[in-house]
Amino acid sequence: MSAKGEKRQQILDAAYKVFSTKGFNSSSIKDIANEAGIAAGLIHYYFKSKEELLLTVQRDIQQSFHQQYQNNKDVDPANVLTEIKERVNNFPDWYRFRFELYALGLKDENLQSEVNHILNDGRESLASFLQEYIDKQEDTDALASILLACFDGIALQKLFDENFNMDNAYQMLQDIMVSYTKK
């Protein structure tokens, strides 16, 4: 990676950390610059606005998660569920960041279309993965929508209640998926 690319990534990493801990509205470019250890003006060299920075962070994270599944076609649905469940424990900031973006999309028309794109992209990616295991295309799209809602809902409950039994919820979800898979 070039020096410019490394600096850009340093800014994105700092923005992710700041947005995840402080929230978007409570974060400033100065906060991000301090976290990155750079001058605030340098951020504007790479990104036009705080909103652009937020969306770039989300796109990069989402792309890395999608590549995990696209590069590994031999993964079975049960393993995907396990990985997503572990993500809640291992990357709670990602879910905080994601929910922050959803909330912003409900209030800000400029972000609304981007959040819609994020949701559609996630649904299409999951549906594409599920096509390997499910007989009907329409079932794939519907199941992807349901699963994404479940993933986010379970994560949200776990973020609010550390005693929430995520294992039971994911076991039920796995049982539902097994009933739809073709094996």
C-alpha atoms as a PDB file:
ATOM      1  CA  MET A   1       0.000   0.000   0.000  1.00  0.00           C
ATOM      2  CA  SER A   2       1.301   3.456  -0.856  1.00  0.00           C
ATOM      3  CA  ALA A   3       1.991   6.073   1.814  1.00  0.00           C
ATOM      4  CA  LYS A   4      -1.154   7.917   0.712  1.00  0.00           C
ATOM      5  CA  GLY A   5      -3.157   4.692   0.966  1.00  0.00           C
ATOM      6  CA  GLU A   6      -1.748   3.988   4.420  1.00  0.00           C
ATOM      7  CA  LYS A   7      -2.650   7.485   5.637  1.00  0.00           C
ATOM      8  CA  ARG A   8      -6.168   7.109   4.227  1.00  0.00           C
ATOM      9  CA  GLN A   9      -6.545   3.766   6.021  1.00  0.00           C
ATOM     10  CA  GLN A  10      -5.235   5.308   9.244  1.00  0.00           C
ATOM     11  CA  ILE A  11      -7.984   7.937   8.999  1.00  0.00           C
ATOM     12  CA  LEU A  12     -10.647   5.305   8.271  1.00  0.00           C
ATOM     13  CA  ASP A  13      -9.540   3.188  11.242  1.00  0.00           C
ATOM     14  CA  ALA A  14      -9.638   6.216  13.534  1.00  0.00           C
ATOM     15  CA  ALA A  15     -13.055   7.277  12.217  1.00  0.00           C
ATOM     16  CA  TYR A  16     -14.446   3.790  12.810  1.00  0.00           C
ATOM     17  CA  LYS A  17     -13.213   3.827  16.395  1.00  0.00           C
ATOM     18  CA  VAL A  18     -14.501   7.337  17.114  1.00  0.00           C
ATOM     19  CA  PHE A  19     -17.895   6.814  15.421  1.00  0.00           C
ATOM     20  CA  SER A  20     -18.351   3.498  17.246  1.00  0.00           C
ATOM     21  CA  THR A  21     -17.615   4.930  20.670  1.00  0.00           C
ATOM     22  CA  LYS A  22     -18.986   8.489  20.473  1.00  0.00           C
ATOM     23  CA  GLY A  23     -21.612   8.158  17.757  1.00  0.00           C
ATOM     24  CA  PHE A  24     -21.656  10.126  14.540  1.00  0.00           C
ATOM     25  CA  ASN A  25     -23.332  13.303  15.798  1.00  0.00           C
ATOM     26  CA  SER A  26     -21.079  13.555  18.855  1.00  0.00           C
ATOM     27  CA  SER A  27     -17.916  13.002  16.824  1.00  0.00           C
ATOM     28  CA  SER A  28     -15.911  15.724  15.168  1.00  0.00           C
ATOM     29  CA  ILE A  29     -13.220  15.754  12.521  1.00  0.00           C
ATOM     30  CA  LYS A  30     -10.908  16.940  15.296  1.00  0.00           C
ATOM     31  CA  ASP A  31     -11.751  13.831  17.368  1.00  0.00           C
ATOM     32  CA  ILE A  32     -10.916  11.623  14.401  1.00  0.00           C
ATOM     33  CA  ALA A  33      -7.698  13.511  13.720  1.00  0.00           C
ATOM     34  CA  ASN A  34      -6.654  13.167  17.365  1.00  0.00           C
ATOM     35  CA  GLU A  35      -7.350   9.432  17.271  1.00  0.00           C
ATOM     36  CA  ALA A  36      -5.347   9.112  14.046  1.00  0.00           C
ATOM     37  CA  GLY A  37      -2.537  11.308  15.374  1.00  0.00           C
ATOM     38  CA  ILE A  38      -2.734  13.739  12.454  1.00  0.00           C
ATOM     39  CA  ALA A  39      -3.789  17.325  11.790  1.00  0.00           C
ATOM     40  CA  ALA A  40      -7.528  17.814  11.235  1.00  0.00           C
ATOM     41  CA  GLY A  41      -6.922  19.559   7.914  1.00  0.00           C
ATOM     42  CA  LEU A  42      -5.332  16.423   6.518  1.00  0.00           C
ATOM     43  CA  ILE A  43      -8.635  14.571   6.818  1.00  0.00           C
ATOM     44  CA  HIS A  44     -10.232  17.076   4.434  1.00  0.00           C
ATOM     45  CA  TYR A  45      -7.521  16.268   1.898  1.00  0.00           C
ATOM     46  CA  TYR A  46      -8.855  12.686   1.778  1.00  0.00           C
ATOM     47  CA  PHE A  47     -12.560  13.171   2.524  1.00  0.00           C
ATOM     48  CA  LYS A  48     -14.920  16.044   1.681  1.00  0.00           C
ATOM     49  CA  SER A  49     -17.075  15.656   4.777  1.00  0.00           C
ATOM     50  CA  LYS A  50     -17.699  13.686   7.917  1.00  0.00           C
ATOM     51  CA  GLU A  51     -20.622  12.009   6.103  1.00  0.00           C
ATOM     52  CA  GLU A  52     -18.339  10.838   3.290  1.00  0.00           C
ATOM     53  CA  LEU A  53     -15.960   9.449   5.887  1.00  0.00           C
ATOM     54  CA  LEU A  54     -18.811   7.608   7.627  1.00  0.00           C
ATOM     55  CA  LEU A  55     -20.014   6.040   4.380  1.00  0.00           C
ATOM     56  CA  THR A  56     -16.520   5.072   3.293  1.00  0.00           C
ATOM     57  CA  VAL A  57     -15.897   3.321   6.601  1.00  0.00           C
ATOM     58  CA  GLN A  58     -19.169   1.397   6.203  1.00  0.00           C
ATOM     59  CA  ARG A  59     -18.451   0.425   2.586  1.00  0.00           C
ATOM     60  CA  ASP A  60     -14.975  -0.833   3.443  1.00  0.00           C
ATOM     61  CA  ILE A  61     -16.211  -2.924   6.359  1.00  0.00           C
ATOM     62  CA  GLN A  62     -19.112  -4.346   4.396  1.00  0.00           C
ATOM     63  CA  GLN A  63     -16.860  -5.170   1.458  1.00  0.00           C
ATOM     64  CA  SER A  64     -14.442  -7.070   3.694  1.00  0.00           C
ATOM     65  CA  PHE A  65     -17.279  -9.139   5.192  1.00  0.00           C
ATOM     66  CA  HIS A  66     -18.726  -9.902   1.737  1.00  0.00           C
ATOM     67  CA  GLN A  67     -15.333 -11.005   0.453  1.00  0.00           C
ATOM     68  CA  GLN A  68     -15.130 -13.547   3.271  1.00  0.00           C
ATOM     69  CA  TYR A  69     -18.099 -15.418   1.826  1.00  0.00           C
ATOM     70  CA  GLN A  70     -17.373 -14.859  -1.856  1.00  0.00           C
ATOM     71  CA  ASN A  71     -13.858 -16.239  -1.496  1.00  0.00           C
ATOM     72  CA  ASN A  72     -14.988 -19.308   0.414  1.00  0.00           C
ATOM     73  CA  LYS A  73     -17.785 -21.091  -1.444  1.00  0.00           C
ATOM     74  CA  ASP A  74     -17.351 -24.267   0.636  1.00  0.00           C
ATOM     75  CA  VAL A  75     -18.784 -22.718   3.805  1.00  0.00           C
ATOM     76  CA  ASP A  76     -22.026 -24.289   4.986  1.00  0.00           C
ATOM     77  CA  PRO A  77     -24.890 -22.230   6.458  1.00  0.00           C
ATOM     78  CA  ALA A  78     -24.335 -23.487  10.013  1.00  0.00           C
ATOM     79  CA  ASN A  79     -20.747 -22.217   9.947  1.00  0.00           C
ATOM     80  CA  VAL A  80     -21.929 -18.860   8.626  1.00  0.00           C
ATOM     81  CA  LEU A  81     -24.326 -18.564  11.562  1.00  0.00           C
ATOM     82  CA  THR A  82     -21.540 -19.413  13.983  1.00  0.00           C
ATOM     83  CA  GLU A  83     -19.281 -16.781  12.426  1.00  0.00           C
ATOM     84  CA  ILE A  84     -22.002 -14.123  12.561  1.00  0.00           C
ATOM     85  CA  LYS A  85     -22.793 -14.991  16.188  1.00  0.00           C
ATOM     86  CA  GLU A  86     -19.105 -14.703  17.065  1.00  0.00           C
ATOM     87  CA  ARG A  87     -18.979 -11.353  15.277  1.00  0.00           C
ATOM     88  CA  VAL A  88     -21.434  -9.960  17.836  1.00  0.00           C
ATOM     89  CA  ASN A  89     -19.024 -10.865  20.639  1.00  0.00           C
ATOM     90  CA  ASN A  90     -15.789 -10.085  18.803  1.00  0.00           C
ATOM     91  CA  PHE A  91     -16.833  -6.909  16.973  1.00  0.00           C
ATOM     92  CA  PRO A  92     -19.558  -5.184  19.006  1.00  0.00           C
ATOM     93  CA  ASP A  93     -18.311  -1.816  17.741  1.00  0.00           C
ATOM     94  CA  TRP A  94     -19.216  -2.878  14.212  1.00  0.00           C
ATOM     95  CA  TYR A  95     -22.814  -3.395  15.277  1.00  0.00           C
ATOM     96  CA  ARG A  96     -22.888  -0.102  17.189  1.00  0.00           C
ATOM     97  CA  PHE A  97     -21.538   1.593  14.094  1.00  0.00           C
ATOM     98  CA  ARG A  98     -24.087  -0.177  11.885  1.00  0.00           C
ATOM     99  CA  PHE A  99     -27.042   0.759  14.119  1.00  0.00           C
ATOM    100  CA  GLU A 100     -25.808   4.343  14.287  1.00  0.00           C
ATOM    101  CA  LEU A 101     -25.833   4.458  10.496  1.00  0.00           C
ATOM    102  CA  TYR A 102     -29.361   2.994  10.371  1.00  0.00           C
ATOM    103  CA  ALA A 103     -30.614   5.629  12.815  1.00  0.00           C
ATOM    104  CA  LEU A 104     -28.985   8.402  10.801  1.00  0.00           C
ATOM    105  CA  GLY A 105     -30.568   7.040   7.626  1.00  0.00           C
ATOM    106  CA  LEU A 106     -34.012   7.329   9.180  1.00  0.00           C
ATOM    107  CA  LYS A 107     -33.468  11.038   9.853  1.00  0.00           C
ATOM    108  CA  ASP A 108     -31.256  12.225   7.003  1.00  0.00           C
ATOM    109  CA  GLU A 109     -32.528  12.011   3.423  1.00  0.00           C
ATOM    110  CA  ASN A 110     -28.975  12.150   2.072  1.00  0.00           C
ATOM    111  CA  LEU A 111     -28.024   9.047   4.051  1.00  0.00           C
ATOM    112  CA  GLN A 112     -31.327   7.250   3.504  1.00  0.00           C
ATOM    113  CA  SER A 113     -30.476   6.054   0.004  1.00  0.00           C
ATOM    114  CA  GLU A 114     -27.043   4.895   1.153  1.00  0.00           C
ATOM    115  CA  VAL A 115     -28.507   2.892   4.038  1.00  0.00           C
ATOM    116  CA  ASN A 116     -31.014   1.393   1.608  1.00  0.00           C
ATOM    117  CA  HIS A 117     -28.105   0.434  -0.656  1.00  0.00           C
ATOM    118  CA  ILE A 118     -26.261  -1.152   2.287  1.00  0.00           C
ATOM    119  CA  LEU A 119     -29.312  -3.207   3.227  1.00  0.00           C
ATOM    120  CA  ASN A 120     -29.955  -4.261  -0.383  1.00  0.00           C
ATOM    121  CA  ASP A 121     -26.317  -5.180  -0.895  1.00  0.00           C
ATOM    122  CA  GLY A 122     -26.267  -7.286   2.260  1.00  0.00           C
ATOM    123  CA  ARG A 123     -29.500  -9.014   1.293  1.00  0.00           C
ATOM    124  CA  GLU A 124     -28.278  -9.736  -2.245  1.00  0.00           C
ATOM    125  CA  SER A 125     -24.959 -11.051  -0.980  1.00  0.00           C
ATOM    126  CA  LEU A 126     -26.614 -13.374   1.523  1.00  0.00           C
ATOM    127  CA  ALA A 127     -29.225 -14.503  -1.025  1.00  0.00           C
ATOM    128  CA  SER A 128     -26.446 -15.323  -3.472  1.00  0.00           C
ATOM    129  CA  PHE A 129     -24.729 -17.429  -0.828  1.00  0.00           C
ATOM    130  CA  LEU A 130     -27.994 -19.178   0.087  1.00  0.00           C
ATOM    131  CA  GLN A 131     -28.713 -20.141  -3.541  1.00  0.00           C
ATOM    132  CA  GLU A 132     -26.274 -23.007  -3.083  1.00  0.00           C
ATOM    133  CA  TYR A 133     -28.533 -24.497  -0.413  1.00  0.00           C
ATOM    134  CA  ILE A 134     -32.111 -23.541  -1.233  1.00  0.00           C
ATOM    135  CA  ASP A 135     -34.287 -24.819  -4.072  1.00  0.00           C
ATOM    136  CA  LYS A 136     -36.301 -21.736  -5.039  1.00  0.00           C
ATOM    137  CA  GLN A 137     -34.974 -18.270  -5.884  1.00  0.00           C
ATOM    138  CA  GLU A 138     -37.893 -16.495  -4.190  1.00  0.00           C
ATOM    139  CA  ASP A 139     -37.233 -18.462  -1.004  1.00  0.00           C
ATOM    140  CA  THR A 140     -33.606 -17.346  -1.135  1.00  0.00           C
ATOM    141  CA  ASP A 141     -34.507 -13.657  -1.244  1.00  0.00           C
ATOM    142  CA  ALA A 142     -37.130 -13.983   1.479  1.00  0.00           C
ATOM    143  CA  LEU A 143     -34.872 -16.038   3.741  1.00  0.00           C
ATOM    144  CA  ALA A 144     -32.014 -13.554   3.284  1.00  0.00           C
ATOM    145  CA  SER A 145     -34.325 -10.722   4.399  1.00  0.00           C
ATOM    146  CA  ILE A 146     -35.488 -12.669   7.431  1.00  0.00           C
ATOM    147  CA  LEU A 147     -31.974 -13.728   8.395  1.00  0.00           C
ATOM    148  CA  LEU A 148     -30.581 -10.201   8.180  1.00  0.00           C
ATOM    149  CA  ALA A 149     -33.402  -8.935  10.382  1.00  0.00           C
ATOM    150  CA  CYS A 150     -32.670 -11.747  12.847  1.00  0.00           C
ATOM    151  CA  PHE A 151     -28.910 -11.082  12.839  1.00  0.00           C
ATOM    152  CA  ASP A 152     -29.414  -7.396  13.567  1.00  0.00           C
ATOM    153  CA  GLY A 153     -32.169  -8.028  16.112  1.00  0.00           C
ATOM    154  CA  ILE A 154     -30.166 -10.603  18.046  1.00  0.00           C
ATOM    155  CA  ALA A 155     -27.096  -8.347  18.011  1.00  0.00           C
ATOM    156  CA  LEU A 156     -29.139  -5.389  19.243  1.00  0.00           C
ATOM    157  CA  GLN A 157     -30.529  -7.424  22.132  1.00  0.00           C
ATOM    158  CA  LYS A 158     -27.024  -8.606  23.070  1.00  0.00           C
ATOM    159  CA  LEU A 159     -25.648  -5.054  22.983  1.00  0.00           C
ATOM    160  CA  PHE A 160     -28.348  -3.902  25.392  1.00  0.00           C
ATOM    161  CA  ASP A 161     -28.392  -6.984  27.611  1.00  0.00           C
ATOM    162  CA  GLU A 162     -25.110  -8.782  28.236  1.00  0.00           C
ATOM    163  CA  ASN A 163     -27.092 -11.643  29.842  1.00  0.00           C
ATOM    164  CA  PHE A 164     -29.194 -12.214  26.711  1.00  0.00           C
ATOM    165  CA  ASN A 165     -28.836 -15.860  25.669  1.00  0.00           C
ATOM    166  CA  MET A 166     -27.613 -15.462  22.132  1.00  0.00           C
ATOM    167  CA  ASP A 167     -26.757 -19.163  21.872  1.00  0.00           C
ATOM    168  CA  ASN A 168     -30.410 -20.185  22.195  1.00  0.00           C
ATOM    169  CA  ALA A 169     -31.494 -17.632  19.622  1.00  0.00           C
ATOM    170  CA  TYR A 170     -28.868 -18.750  17.126  1.00  0.00           C
ATOM    171  CA  GLN A 171     -29.674 -22.423  17.736  1.00  0.00           C
ATOM    172  CA  MET A 172     -33.310 -21.728  16.833  1.00  0.00           C
ATOM    173  CA  LEU A 173     -32.185 -19.793  13.784  1.00  0.00           C
ATOM    174  CA  GLN A 174     -29.956 -22.680  12.738  1.00  0.00           C
ATOM    175  CA  ASP A 175     -32.864 -25.111  13.125  1.00  0.00           C
ATOM    176  CA  ILE A 176     -34.976 -22.902  10.873  1.00  0.00           C
ATOM    177  CA  MET A 177     -32.233 -22.737   8.260  1.00  0.00           C
ATOM    178  CA  VAL A 178     -31.718 -26.494   8.281  1.00  0.00           C
ATOM    179  CA  SER A 179     -35.404 -26.951   7.507  1.00  0.00           C
ATOM    180  CA  TYR A 180     -34.947 -24.859   4.330  1.00  0.00           C
ATOM    181  CA  THR A 181     -31.665 -26.221   3.076  1.00  0.00           C
ATOM    182  CA  LYS A 182     -31.424 -28.907   0.475  1.00  0.00           C
ATOM    183  CA  LYS A 183     -29.127 -31.686   1.489  1.00  0.00           C
END
